[in-house]
PDB file of N, CA and C in Angstrom:
ATOM      1  N   UNK A   1     -47.572 -29.098  39.598  1.00  0.00           N
ATOM      2  CA  UNK A   1     -48.709 -29.468  38.811  1.00  0.00           C
ATOM      3  C   UNK A   1     -49.606 -28.295  38.627  1.00  0.00           C
ATOM      4  N   UNK A   2     -49.977 -27.997  37.377  1.00  0.00           N
ATOM      5  CA  UNK A   2     -50.853 -26.878  37.061  1.00  0.00           C
ATOM      6  C   UNK A   2     -51.844 -27.282  36.031  1.00  0.00           C
ATOM      7  N   UNK A   3     -52.565 -26.197  35.474  1.00  0.00           N
ATOM      8  CA  UNK A   3     -53.529 -26.483  34.419  1.00  0.00           C
ATOM      9  C   UNK A   3     -53.339 -25.423  33.258  1.00  0.00           C
ATOM     10  N   UNK A   4     -53.361 -25.923  32.006  1.00  0.00           N
ATOM     11  CA  UNK A   4     -53.370 -25.028  30.918  1.00  0.00           C
ATOM     12  C   UNK A   4     -54.767 -24.564  30.524  1.00  0.00           C
ATOM     13  N   UNK A   5     -55.745 -25.427  30.845  1.00  0.00           N
ATOM     14  CA  UNK A   5     -57.189 -25.311  30.770  1.00  0.00           C
ATOM     15  C   UNK A   5     -57.949 -26.260  31.547  1.00  0.00           C
ATOM     16  N   UNK A   6     -59.212 -26.409  31.443  1.00  0.00           N
ATOM     17  CA  UNK A   6     -59.984 -27.310  32.121  1.00  0.00           C
ATOM     18  C   UNK A   6     -59.749 -28.803  31.842  1.00  0.00           C
ATOM     19  N   UNK A   7     -59.182 -29.001  30.651  1.00  0.00           N
ATOM     20  CA  UNK A   7     -58.821 -30.359  30.305  1.00  0.00           C
ATOM     21  C   UNK A   7     -57.378 -30.774  30.475  1.00  0.00           C
ATOM     22  N   UNK A   8     -56.537 -29.742  30.565  1.00  0.00           N
ATOM     23  CA  UNK A   8     -55.093 -30.127  30.423  1.00  0.00           C
ATOM     24  C   UNK A   8     -54.232 -29.861  31.618  1.00  0.00           C
ATOM     25  N   UNK A   9     -54.028 -30.848  32.317  1.00  0.00           N
ATOM     26  CA  UNK A   9     -53.121 -30.664  33.556  1.00  0.00           C
ATOM     27  C   UNK A   9     -51.686 -30.862  33.050  1.00  0.00           C
ATOM     28  N   UNK A  10     -50.725 -30.137  33.742  1.00  0.00           N
ATOM     29  CA  UNK A  10     -49.309 -30.269  33.326  1.00  0.00           C
ATOM     30  C   UNK A  10     -48.514 -30.484  34.605  1.00  0.00           C
ATOM     31  N   UNK A  11     -47.357 -31.181  34.446  1.00  0.00           N
ATOM     32  CA  UNK A  11     -46.515 -31.260  35.556  1.00  0.00           C
ATOM     33  C   UNK A  11     -45.113 -30.847  35.185  1.00  0.00           C
ATOM     34  N   UNK A  12     -44.129 -30.898  36.054  1.00  0.00           N
ATOM     35  CA  UNK A  12     -42.692 -30.608  35.541  1.00  0.00           C
ATOM     36  C   UNK A  12     -42.193 -31.578  34.552  1.00  0.00           C
ATOM     37  N   UNK A  13     -42.772 -32.710  34.356  1.00  0.00           N
ATOM     38  CA  UNK A  13     -42.461 -33.739  33.388  1.00  0.00           C
ATOM     39  C   UNK A  13     -43.145 -33.645  31.979  1.00  0.00           C
ATOM     40  N   UNK A  14     -44.182 -32.762  31.934  1.00  0.00           N
ATOM     41  CA  UNK A  14     -45.025 -32.804  30.757  1.00  0.00           C
ATOM     42  C   UNK A  14     -44.312 -32.377  29.501  1.00  0.00           C
ATOM     43  N   UNK A  15     -43.358 -31.293  29.655  1.00  0.00           N
ATOM     44  CA  UNK A  15     -42.615 -31.014  28.455  1.00  0.00           C
ATOM     45  C   UNK A  15     -41.653 -32.187  27.810  1.00  0.00           C
ATOM     46  N   UNK A  16     -41.092 -32.796  28.790  1.00  0.00           N
ATOM     47  CA  UNK A  16     -40.278 -33.974  28.400  1.00  0.00           C
ATOM     48  C   UNK A  16     -41.045 -35.034  27.651  1.00  0.00           C
ATOM     49  N   UNK A  17     -42.204 -35.366  28.288  1.00  0.00           N
ATOM     50  CA  UNK A  17     -43.145 -36.227  27.745  1.00  0.00           C
ATOM     51  C   UNK A  17     -43.583 -35.854  26.282  1.00  0.00           C
ATOM     52  N   UNK A  18     -43.883 -34.571  26.129  1.00  0.00           N
ATOM     53  CA  UNK A  18     -44.371 -34.083  24.874  1.00  0.00           C
ATOM     54  C   UNK A  18     -43.175 -34.160  23.903  1.00  0.00           C
ATOM     55  N   UNK A  19     -42.044 -33.809  24.188  1.00  0.00           N
ATOM     56  CA  UNK A  19     -40.829 -33.893  23.385  1.00  0.00           C
ATOM     57  C   UNK A  19     -40.607 -35.415  22.863  1.00  0.00           C
ATOM     58  N   UNK A  20     -40.755 -36.417  23.874  1.00  0.00           N
ATOM     59  CA  UNK A  20     -40.726 -37.855  23.542  1.00  0.00           C
ATOM     60  C   UNK A  20     -41.695 -38.295  22.574  1.00  0.00           C
ATOM     61  N   UNK A  21     -42.965 -37.769  22.726  1.00  0.00           N
ATOM     62  CA  UNK A  21     -44.027 -38.142  21.844  1.00  0.00           C
ATOM     63  C   UNK A  21     -43.725 -37.637  20.376  1.00  0.00           C
ATOM     64  N   UNK A  22     -43.287 -36.407  20.358  1.00  0.00           N
ATOM     65  CA  UNK A  22     -42.920 -35.823  19.007  1.00  0.00           C
ATOM     66  C   UNK A  22     -41.749 -36.548  18.386  1.00  0.00           C
ATOM     67  N   UNK A  23     -40.730 -37.100  19.257  1.00  0.00           N
ATOM     68  CA  UNK A  23     -39.552 -37.728  18.846  1.00  0.00           C
ATOM     69  C   UNK A  23     -40.027 -39.045  18.362  1.00  0.00           C
ATOM     70  N   UNK A  24     -40.922 -39.823  18.842  1.00  0.00           N
ATOM     71  CA  UNK A  24     -41.351 -41.055  18.403  1.00  0.00           C
ATOM     72  C   UNK A  24     -41.912 -40.893  16.973  1.00  0.00           C
ATOM     73  N   UNK A  25     -42.615 -39.885  16.703  1.00  0.00           N
ATOM     74  CA  UNK A  25     -43.231 -39.693  15.370  1.00  0.00           C
ATOM     75  C   UNK A  25     -42.127 -39.477  14.396  1.00  0.00           C
ATOM     76  N   UNK A  26     -41.028 -38.709  14.740  1.00  0.00           N
ATOM     77  CA  UNK A  26     -39.901 -38.441  13.864  1.00  0.00           C
ATOM     78  C   UNK A  26     -39.140 -39.773  13.694  1.00  0.00           C
ATOM     79  N   UNK A  27     -38.922 -40.597  14.636  1.00  0.00           N
ATOM     80  CA  UNK A  27     -38.289 -41.805  14.627  1.00  0.00           C
ATOM     81  C   UNK A  27     -39.050 -42.750  13.636  1.00  0.00           C
ATOM     82  N   UNK A  28     -40.461 -42.743  13.704  1.00  0.00           N
ATOM     83  CA  UNK A  28     -41.246 -43.498  12.748  1.00  0.00           C
ATOM     84  C   UNK A  28     -40.988 -43.072  11.361  1.00  0.00           C
ATOM     85  N   UNK A  29     -41.003 -41.724  11.116  1.00  0.00           N
ATOM     86  CA  UNK A  29     -40.630 -41.261   9.758  1.00  0.00           C
ATOM     87  C   UNK A  29     -39.277 -41.816   9.301  1.00  0.00           C
ATOM     88  N   UNK A  30     -38.298 -41.764  10.147  1.00  0.00           N
ATOM     89  CA  UNK A  30     -36.918 -42.172   9.812  1.00  0.00           C
ATOM     90  C   UNK A  30     -37.128 -43.709   9.322  1.00  0.00           C
ATOM     91  N   UNK A  31     -37.768 -44.471  10.067  1.00  0.00           N
ATOM     92  CA  UNK A  31     -37.926 -46.036   9.810  1.00  0.00           C
ATOM     93  C   UNK A  31     -38.590 -46.119   8.531  1.00  0.00           C
ATOM     94  N   UNK A  32     -39.639 -45.430   8.186  1.00  0.00           N
ATOM     95  CA  UNK A  32     -40.387 -45.479   6.959  1.00  0.00           C
ATOM     96  C   UNK A  32     -39.537 -45.150   5.771  1.00  0.00           C
ATOM     97  N   UNK A  33     -38.897 -43.991   5.795  1.00  0.00           N
ATOM     98  CA  UNK A  33     -38.111 -43.525   4.739  1.00  0.00           C
ATOM     99  C   UNK A  33     -36.982 -44.461   4.454  1.00  0.00           C
ATOM    100  N   UNK A  34     -36.342 -44.942   5.468  1.00  0.00           N
ATOM    101  CA  UNK A  34     -35.240 -46.001   5.362  1.00  0.00           C
ATOM    102  C   UNK A  34     -35.696 -47.324   4.881  1.00  0.00           C
ATOM    103  N   UNK A  35     -36.942 -47.598   4.705  1.00  0.00           N
ATOM    104  CA  UNK A  35     -37.581 -48.870   4.227  1.00  0.00           C
ATOM    105  C   UNK A  35     -37.508 -50.082   5.248  1.00  0.00           C
ATOM    106  N   UNK A  36     -37.248 -49.607   6.564  1.00  0.00           N
ATOM    107  CA  UNK A  36     -37.223 -50.584   7.738  1.00  0.00           C
ATOM    108  C   UNK A  36     -38.676 -50.855   8.134  1.00  0.00           C
ATOM    109  N   UNK A  37     -39.691 -50.102   7.742  1.00  0.00           N
ATOM    110  CA  UNK A  37     -40.965 -50.230   8.052  1.00  0.00           C
ATOM    111  C   UNK A  37     -41.920 -49.864   7.051  1.00  0.00           C
ATOM    112  N   UNK A  38     -43.046 -50.510   6.718  1.00  0.00           N
ATOM    113  CA  UNK A  38     -43.995 -50.224   5.685  1.00  0.00           C
ATOM    114  C   UNK A  38     -45.145 -49.457   6.193  1.00  0.00           C
ATOM    115  N   UNK A  39     -45.376 -49.228   7.505  1.00  0.00           N
ATOM    116  CA  UNK A  39     -46.428 -48.457   8.013  1.00  0.00           C
ATOM    117  C   UNK A  39     -45.969 -48.094   9.353  1.00  0.00           C
ATOM    118  N   UNK A  40     -46.511 -47.175  10.042  1.00  0.00           N
ATOM    119  CA  UNK A  40     -46.218 -46.627  11.402  1.00  0.00           C
ATOM    120  C   UNK A  40     -47.545 -46.234  11.939  1.00  0.00           C
ATOM    121  N   UNK A  41     -47.751 -46.461  13.328  1.00  0.00           N
ATOM    122  CA  UNK A  41     -48.809 -45.924  14.049  1.00  0.00           C
ATOM    123  C   UNK A  41     -48.203 -45.567  15.406  1.00  0.00           C
ATOM    124  N   UNK A  42     -48.230 -44.260  15.664  1.00  0.00           N
ATOM    125  CA  UNK A  42     -47.651 -43.780  17.014  1.00  0.00           C
ATOM    126  C   UNK A  42     -48.683 -43.460  18.048  1.00  0.00           C
ATOM    127  N   UNK A  43     -48.988 -44.345  18.989  1.00  0.00           N
ATOM    128  CA  UNK A  43     -50.010 -44.059  19.989  1.00  0.00           C
ATOM    129  C   UNK A  43     -49.288 -43.374  21.122  1.00  0.00           C
ATOM    130  N   UNK A  44     -49.045 -42.091  21.002  1.00  0.00           N
ATOM    131  CA  UNK A  44     -48.223 -41.364  21.874  1.00  0.00           C
ATOM    132  C   UNK A  44     -49.213 -40.420  22.817  1.00  0.00           C
ATOM    133  N   UNK A  45     -48.665 -40.126  23.935  1.00  0.00           N
ATOM    134  CA  UNK A  45     -49.361 -39.270  24.893  1.00  0.00           C
ATOM    135  C   UNK A  45     -48.290 -38.236  25.362  1.00  0.00           C
ATOM    136  N   UNK A  46     -48.596 -36.998  25.429  1.00  0.00           N
ATOM    137  CA  UNK A  46     -49.810 -36.337  25.118  1.00  0.00           C
ATOM    138  C   UNK A  46     -49.992 -36.363  23.550  1.00  0.00           C
ATOM    139  N   UNK A  47     -51.365 -36.383  23.271  1.00  0.00           N
ATOM    140  CA  UNK A  47     -51.695 -36.271  21.863  1.00  0.00           C
ATOM    141  C   UNK A  47     -51.278 -34.751  21.446  1.00  0.00           C
ATOM    142  N   UNK A  48     -51.634 -34.552  20.132  1.00  0.00           N
ATOM    143  CA  UNK A  48     -51.206 -33.257  19.653  1.00  0.00           C
ATOM    144  C   UNK A  48     -52.044 -32.567  18.769  1.00  0.00           C
ATOM    145  N   UNK A  49     -53.197 -33.062  18.265  1.00  0.00           N
ATOM    146  CA  UNK A  49     -53.979 -32.462  17.170  1.00  0.00           C
ATOM    147  C   UNK A  49     -54.624 -31.142  17.510  1.00  0.00           C
ATOM    148  N   UNK A  50     -54.697 -30.810  18.876  1.00  0.00           N
ATOM    149  CA  UNK A  50     -55.270 -29.434  19.249  1.00  0.00           C
ATOM    150  C   UNK A  50     -54.195 -28.337  19.471  1.00  0.00           C
ATOM    151  N   UNK A  51     -52.959 -28.686  19.476  1.00  0.00           N
ATOM    152  CA  UNK A  51     -51.928 -27.706  19.679  1.00  0.00           C
ATOM    153  C   UNK A  51     -51.540 -27.045  18.328  1.00  0.00           C
ATOM    154  N   UNK A  52     -51.669 -25.729  18.313  1.00  0.00           N
ATOM    155  CA  UNK A  52     -51.473 -24.950  17.210  1.00  0.00           C
ATOM    156  C   UNK A  52     -50.176 -24.418  17.201  1.00  0.00           C
ATOM    157  N   UNK A  53     -49.872 -23.565  16.232  1.00  0.00           N
ATOM    158  CA  UNK A  53     -48.299 -23.074  16.126  1.00  0.00           C
ATOM    159  C   UNK A  53     -48.121 -22.137  17.240  1.00  0.00           C
ATOM    160  N   UNK A  54     -49.130 -21.420  17.882  1.00  0.00           N
ATOM    161  CA  UNK A  54     -48.804 -20.600  18.998  1.00  0.00           C
ATOM    162  C   UNK A  54     -49.650 -21.090  20.238  1.00  0.00           C
ATOM    163  N   UNK A  55     -49.998 -22.242  20.262  1.00  0.00           N
ATOM    164  CA  UNK A  55     -50.714 -22.878  21.399  1.00  0.00           C
ATOM    165  C   UNK A  55     -52.188 -23.157  21.129  1.00  0.00           C
ATOM    166  N   UNK A  56     -53.143 -22.506  21.845  1.00  0.00           N
ATOM    167  CA  UNK A  56     -54.446 -22.791  21.664  1.00  0.00           C
ATOM    168  C   UNK A  56     -54.998 -22.174  20.449  1.00  0.00           C
ATOM    169  N   UNK A  57     -55.891 -22.849  19.706  1.00  0.00           N
ATOM    170  CA  UNK A  57     -56.495 -22.452  18.515  1.00  0.00           C
ATOM    171  C   UNK A  57     -57.895 -22.370  18.726  1.00  0.00           C
ATOM    172  N   UNK A  58     -58.392 -21.071  18.804  1.00  0.00           N
ATOM    173  CA  UNK A  58     -59.908 -20.854  19.003  1.00  0.00           C
ATOM    174  C   UNK A  58     -60.585 -21.147  17.630  1.00  0.00           C
ATOM    175  N   UNK A  59     -61.979 -21.565  17.724  1.00  0.00           N
ATOM    176  CA  UNK A  59     -62.680 -21.819  16.618  1.00  0.00           C
ATOM    177  C   UNK A  59     -64.169 -21.327  16.933  1.00  0.00           C
ATOM    178  N   UNK A  60     -65.088 -21.409  15.918  1.00  0.00           N
ATOM    179  CA  UNK A  60     -66.437 -20.980  16.138  1.00  0.00           C
ATOM    180  C   UNK A  60     -67.125 -21.715  17.247  1.00  0.00           C
ATOM    181  N   UNK A  61     -66.799 -23.008  17.383  1.00  0.00           N
ATOM    182  CA  UNK A  61     -67.453 -23.796  18.507  1.00  0.00           C
ATOM    183  C   UNK A  61     -66.852 -23.455  19.856  1.00  0.00           C
ATOM    184  N   UNK A  62     -65.676 -22.884  19.984  1.00  0.00           N
ATOM    185  CA  UNK A  62     -64.928 -22.779  21.148  1.00  0.00           C
ATOM    186  C   UNK A  62     -64.152 -21.472  20.858  1.00  0.00           C
ATOM    187  N   UNK A  63     -64.708 -20.298  21.162  1.00  0.00           N
ATOM    188  CA  UNK A  63     -63.864 -18.976  20.817  1.00  0.00           C
ATOM    189  C   UNK A  63     -62.788 -18.897  21.786  1.00  0.00           C
ATOM    190  N   UNK A  64     -62.635 -19.629  22.920  1.00  0.00           N
ATOM    191  CA  UNK A  64     -61.447 -19.491  23.749  1.00  0.00           C
ATOM    192  C   UNK A  64     -60.423 -20.548  23.443  1.00  0.00           C
ATOM    193  N   UNK A  65     -60.882 -21.614  22.668  1.00  0.00           N
ATOM    194  CA  UNK A  65     -59.890 -22.660  22.326  1.00  0.00           C
ATOM    195  C   UNK A  65     -59.617 -23.502  23.475  1.00  0.00           C
ATOM    196  N   UNK A  66     -59.022 -24.706  23.210  1.00  0.00           N
ATOM    197  CA  UNK A  66     -58.773 -25.589  24.267  1.00  0.00           C
ATOM    198  C   UNK A  66     -57.451 -26.399  23.890  1.00  0.00           C
ATOM    199  N   UNK A  67     -56.600 -26.643  25.006  1.00  0.00           N
ATOM    200  CA  UNK A  67     -55.506 -27.481  24.651  1.00  0.00           C
ATOM    201  C   UNK A  67     -55.786 -28.981  24.322  1.00  0.00           C
ATOM    202  N   UNK A  68     -57.005 -29.326  24.908  1.00  0.00           N
ATOM    203  CA  UNK A  68     -57.474 -30.710  24.668  1.00  0.00           C
ATOM    204  C   UNK A  68     -56.422 -31.739  25.008  1.00  0.00           C
ATOM    205  N   UNK A  69     -55.739 -31.602  25.961  1.00  0.00           N
ATOM    206  CA  UNK A  69     -54.623 -32.483  26.546  1.00  0.00           C
ATOM    207  C   UNK A  69     -53.359 -32.288  25.558  1.00  0.00           C
ATOM    208  N   UNK A  70     -53.259 -31.460  24.579  1.00  0.00           N
ATOM    209  CA  UNK A  70     -52.152 -31.414  23.797  1.00  0.00           C
ATOM    210  C   UNK A  70     -51.194 -30.399  24.013  1.00  0.00           C
ATOM    211  N   UNK A  71     -49.932 -30.613  23.882  1.00  0.00           N
ATOM    212  CA  UNK A  71     -48.813 -29.758  24.092  1.00  0.00           C
ATOM    213  C   UNK A  71     -48.130 -29.363  22.825  1.00  0.00           C
ATOM    214  N   UNK A  72     -47.664 -30.334  21.959  1.00  0.00           N
ATOM    215  CA  UNK A  72     -47.082 -30.101  20.733  1.00  0.00           C
ATOM    216  C   UNK A  72     -47.771 -30.916  19.663  1.00  0.00           C
ATOM    217  N   UNK A  73     -47.951 -30.366  18.413  1.00  0.00           N
ATOM    218  CA  UNK A  73     -48.654 -31.018  17.384  1.00  0.00           C
ATOM    219  C   UNK A  73     -47.779 -32.106  16.748  1.00  0.00           C
ATOM    220  N   UNK A  74     -47.726 -33.213  17.190  1.00  0.00           N
ATOM    221  CA  UNK A  74     -46.829 -34.302  16.961  1.00  0.00           C
ATOM    222  C   UNK A  74     -46.892 -34.653  15.509  1.00  0.00           C
ATOM    223  N   UNK A  75     -48.093 -34.722  14.922  1.00  0.00           N
ATOM    224  CA  UNK A  75     -48.159 -35.064  13.500  1.00  0.00           C
ATOM    225  C   UNK A  75     -47.620 -33.904  12.557  1.00  0.00           C
ATOM    226  N   UNK A  76     -47.887 -32.732  12.938  1.00  0.00           N
ATOM    227  CA  UNK A  76     -47.408 -31.674  12.140  1.00  0.00           C
ATOM    228  C   UNK A  76     -45.805 -31.623  12.312  1.00  0.00           C
ATOM    229  N   UNK A  77     -45.313 -31.829  13.457  1.00  0.00           N
ATOM    230  CA  UNK A  77     -43.968 -31.902  13.586  1.00  0.00           C
ATOM    231  C   UNK A  77     -43.317 -33.008  12.770  1.00  0.00           C
ATOM    232  N   UNK A  78     -43.938 -34.207  12.801  1.00  0.00           N
ATOM    233  CA  UNK A  78     -43.526 -35.214  11.899  1.00  0.00           C
ATOM    234  C   UNK A  78     -43.588 -35.043  10.475  1.00  0.00           C
ATOM    235  N   UNK A  79     -44.603 -34.346   9.942  1.00  0.00           N
ATOM    236  CA  UNK A  79     -44.748 -33.868   8.523  1.00  0.00           C
ATOM    237  C   UNK A  79     -43.604 -32.989   8.171  1.00  0.00           C
ATOM    238  N   UNK A  80     -43.321 -31.935   9.071  1.00  0.00           N
ATOM    239  CA  UNK A  80     -42.450 -31.019   8.644  1.00  0.00           C
ATOM    240  C   UNK A  80     -40.973 -31.676   8.616  1.00  0.00           C
ATOM    241  N   UNK A  81     -40.749 -32.553   9.616  1.00  0.00           N
ATOM    242  CA  UNK A  81     -39.515 -33.285   9.790  1.00  0.00           C
ATOM    243  C   UNK A  81     -39.211 -34.057   8.525  1.00  0.00           C
ATOM    244  N   UNK A  82     -40.289 -34.789   8.086  1.00  0.00           N
ATOM    245  CA  UNK A  82     -40.266 -35.624   6.804  1.00  0.00           C
ATOM    246  C   UNK A  82     -39.786 -34.907   5.674  1.00  0.00           C
ATOM    247  N   UNK A  83     -40.478 -33.723   5.433  1.00  0.00           N
ATOM    248  CA  UNK A  83     -40.286 -32.865   4.337  1.00  0.00           C
ATOM    249  C   UNK A  83     -38.999 -32.153   4.285  1.00  0.00           C
ATOM    250  N   UNK A  84     -38.396 -31.917   5.459  1.00  0.00           N
ATOM    251  CA  UNK A  84     -37.170 -31.205   5.608  1.00  0.00           C
ATOM    252  C   UNK A  84     -35.948 -32.137   5.680  1.00  0.00           C
ATOM    253  N   UNK A  85     -36.072 -33.001   6.611  1.00  0.00           N
ATOM    254  CA  UNK A  85     -34.921 -33.972   6.845  1.00  0.00           C
ATOM    255  C   UNK A  85     -34.769 -34.942   5.703  1.00  0.00           C
ATOM    256  N   UNK A  86     -35.809 -35.441   5.191  1.00  0.00           N
ATOM    257  CA  UNK A  86     -35.787 -36.482   4.129  1.00  0.00           C
ATOM    258  C   UNK A  86     -36.098 -35.865   2.690  1.00  0.00           C
ATOM    259  N   UNK A  87     -35.992 -34.565   2.443  1.00  0.00           N
ATOM    260  CA  UNK A  87     -36.191 -34.004   1.245  1.00  0.00           C
ATOM    261  C   UNK A  87     -35.316 -34.560   0.143  1.00  0.00           C
ATOM    262  N   UNK A  88     -34.036 -34.924   0.496  1.00  0.00           N
ATOM    263  CA  UNK A  88     -33.055 -35.513  -0.397  1.00  0.00           C
ATOM    264  C   UNK A  88     -33.545 -36.889  -0.909  1.00  0.00           C
ATOM    265  N   UNK A  89     -34.471 -37.618  -0.038  1.00  0.00           N
ATOM    266  CA  UNK A  89     -34.975 -38.885  -0.385  1.00  0.00           C
ATOM    267  C   UNK A  89     -36.198 -38.743  -1.290  1.00  0.00           C
ATOM    268  N   UNK A  90     -36.663 -37.555  -1.593  1.00  0.00           N
ATOM    269  CA  UNK A  90     -37.786 -37.285  -2.418  1.00  0.00           C
ATOM    270  C   UNK A  90     -39.103 -36.954  -1.694  1.00  0.00           C
ATOM    271  N   UNK A  91     -38.987 -36.837  -0.455  1.00  0.00           N
ATOM    272  CA  UNK A  91     -40.177 -36.527   0.266  1.00  0.00           C
ATOM    273  C   UNK A  91     -40.606 -34.965  -0.044  1.00  0.00           C
ATOM    274  N   UNK A  92     -41.565 -34.844  -0.699  1.00  0.00           N
ATOM    275  CA  UNK A  92     -42.092 -33.411  -1.050  1.00  0.00           C
ATOM    276  C   UNK A  92     -43.420 -33.131  -0.475  1.00  0.00           C
ATOM    277  N   UNK A  93     -44.129 -34.172  -0.268  1.00  0.00           N
ATOM    278  CA  UNK A  93     -45.502 -33.906   0.365  1.00  0.00           C
ATOM    279  C   UNK A  93     -45.889 -34.945   1.225  1.00  0.00           C
ATOM    280  N   UNK A  94     -46.769 -34.767   2.162  1.00  0.00           N
ATOM    281  CA  UNK A  94     -47.202 -35.766   3.105  1.00  0.00           C
ATOM    282  C   UNK A  94     -48.718 -35.625   3.165  1.00  0.00           C
ATOM    283  N   UNK A  95     -49.365 -36.727   3.597  1.00  0.00           N
ATOM    284  CA  UNK A  95     -50.780 -36.800   3.808  1.00  0.00           C
ATOM    285  C   UNK A  95     -50.982 -36.932   5.313  1.00  0.00           C
ATOM    286  N   UNK A  96     -51.889 -36.201   5.878  1.00  0.00           N
ATOM    287  CA  UNK A  96     -52.131 -36.372   7.382  1.00  0.00           C
ATOM    288  C   UNK A  96     -53.591 -36.867   7.478  1.00  0.00           C
ATOM    289  N   UNK A  97     -53.767 -37.955   8.082  1.00  0.00           N
ATOM    290  CA  UNK A  97     -55.102 -38.515   8.408  1.00  0.00           C
ATOM    291  C   UNK A  97     -55.369 -38.490   9.800  1.00  0.00           C
ATOM    292  N   UNK A  98     -56.297 -37.630  10.237  1.00  0.00           N
ATOM    293  CA  UNK A  98     -56.727 -37.517  11.676  1.00  0.00           C
ATOM    294  C   UNK A  98     -58.108 -38.271  11.801  1.00  0.00           C
ATOM    295  N   UNK A  99     -58.162 -39.333  12.446  1.00  0.00           N
ATOM    296  CA  UNK A  99     -59.392 -40.169  12.626  1.00  0.00           C
ATOM    297  C   UNK A  99     -59.832 -40.045  14.074  1.00  0.00           C
ATOM    298  N   UNK A 100     -59.565 -38.971  14.694  1.00  0.00           N
ATOM    299  CA  UNK A 100     -60.347 -38.761  16.000  1.00  0.00           C
ATOM    300  C   UNK A 100     -61.754 -38.428  15.765  1.00  0.00           C
ATOM    301  N   UNK A 101     -62.472 -38.361  16.765  1.00  0.00           N
ATOM    302  CA  UNK A 101     -63.941 -38.163  16.812  1.00  0.00           C
ATOM    303  C   UNK A 101     -64.214 -36.696  16.520  1.00  0.00           C
ATOM    304  N   UNK A 102     -63.296 -35.834  16.694  1.00  0.00           N
ATOM    305  CA  UNK A 102     -63.541 -34.451  16.476  1.00  0.00           C
ATOM    306  C   UNK A 102     -62.274 -33.817  15.814  1.00  0.00           C
ATOM    307  N   UNK A 103     -62.442 -32.651  15.136  1.00  0.00           N
ATOM    308  CA  UNK A 103     -61.551 -31.949  14.373  1.00  0.00           C
ATOM    309  C   UNK A 103     -60.169 -31.608  15.010  1.00  0.00           C
ATOM    310  N   UNK A 104     -59.088 -31.957  14.299  1.00  0.00           N
ATOM    311  CA  UNK A 104     -57.755 -31.529  14.803  1.00  0.00           C
ATOM    312  C   UNK A 104     -57.387 -30.125  14.258  1.00  0.00           C
ATOM    313  N   UNK A 105     -58.041 -29.077  14.980  1.00  0.00           N
ATOM    314  CA  UNK A 105     -57.786 -27.827  14.628  1.00  0.00           C
ATOM    315  C   UNK A 105     -56.469 -27.324  14.734  1.00  0.00           C
ATOM    316  N   UNK A 106     -55.611 -27.814  15.744  1.00  0.00           N
ATOM    317  CA  UNK A 106     -54.237 -27.396  15.840  1.00  0.00           C
ATOM    318  C   UNK A 106     -53.479 -27.922  14.724  1.00  0.00           C
ATOM    319  N   UNK A 107     -53.630 -29.165  14.266  1.00  0.00           N
ATOM    320  CA  UNK A 107     -52.994 -29.637  13.124  1.00  0.00           C
ATOM    321  C   UNK A 107     -53.238 -28.858  11.921  1.00  0.00           C
ATOM    322  N   UNK A 108     -54.458 -28.509  11.732  1.00  0.00           N
ATOM    323  CA  UNK A 108     -54.846 -27.724  10.447  1.00  0.00           C
ATOM    324  C   UNK A 108     -54.242 -26.361  10.506  1.00  0.00           C
ATOM    325  N   UNK A 109     -54.142 -25.741  11.753  1.00  0.00           N
ATOM    326  CA  UNK A 109     -53.565 -24.323  11.887  1.00  0.00           C
ATOM    327  C   UNK A 109     -51.951 -24.398  11.633  1.00  0.00           C
ATOM    328  N   UNK A 110     -51.264 -25.638  12.051  1.00  0.00           N
ATOM    329  CA  UNK A 110     -49.993 -25.701  11.831  1.00  0.00           C
ATOM    330  C   UNK A 110     -49.552 -25.908  10.399  1.00  0.00           C
ATOM    331  N   UNK A 111     -50.338 -26.612   9.600  1.00  0.00           N
ATOM    332  CA  UNK A 111     -49.979 -26.945   8.245  1.00  0.00           C
ATOM    333  C   UNK A 111     -50.607 -26.085   7.241  1.00  0.00           C
ATOM    334  N   UNK A 112     -51.419 -25.042   7.659  1.00  0.00           N
ATOM    335  CA  UNK A 112     -52.152 -24.258   6.770  1.00  0.00           C
ATOM    336  C   UNK A 112     -51.305 -23.479   5.709  1.00  0.00           C
ATOM    337  N   UNK A 113     -50.152 -23.164   6.106  1.00  0.00           N
ATOM    338  CA  UNK A 113     -49.310 -22.508   5.074  1.00  0.00           C
ATOM    339  C   UNK A 113     -48.094 -23.205   4.552  1.00  0.00           C
ATOM    340  N   UNK A 114     -48.224 -24.541   4.691  1.00  0.00           N
ATOM    341  CA  UNK A 114     -47.095 -25.400   4.171  1.00  0.00           C
ATOM    342  C   UNK A 114     -47.365 -25.779   2.763  1.00  0.00           C
TER     343      UNK A 114
END
């Protein structure tokens, strides 16, 4: 067990948990594109909206950045997955709605150049 920052503890199982969380989002994308679901909500842990493309994303309010419990940007992974894997089905754009109480700076950094 270790710490990435004051908020984010990790164990030897953390990476696998993060992969499963991102995989759940990709599975939801598959279900939606196939028409087997009309909507999806993935309540996964660890969350992901503070994980940037290179890890921590500093900002004006926090010049050192924080992992904020996040290891992988699940929604950015899901968006990229949808636009790549399902491009043949006509997926060209996605909308990301982050309704957390604070800004998803990692998600923004991940999709800034998409």
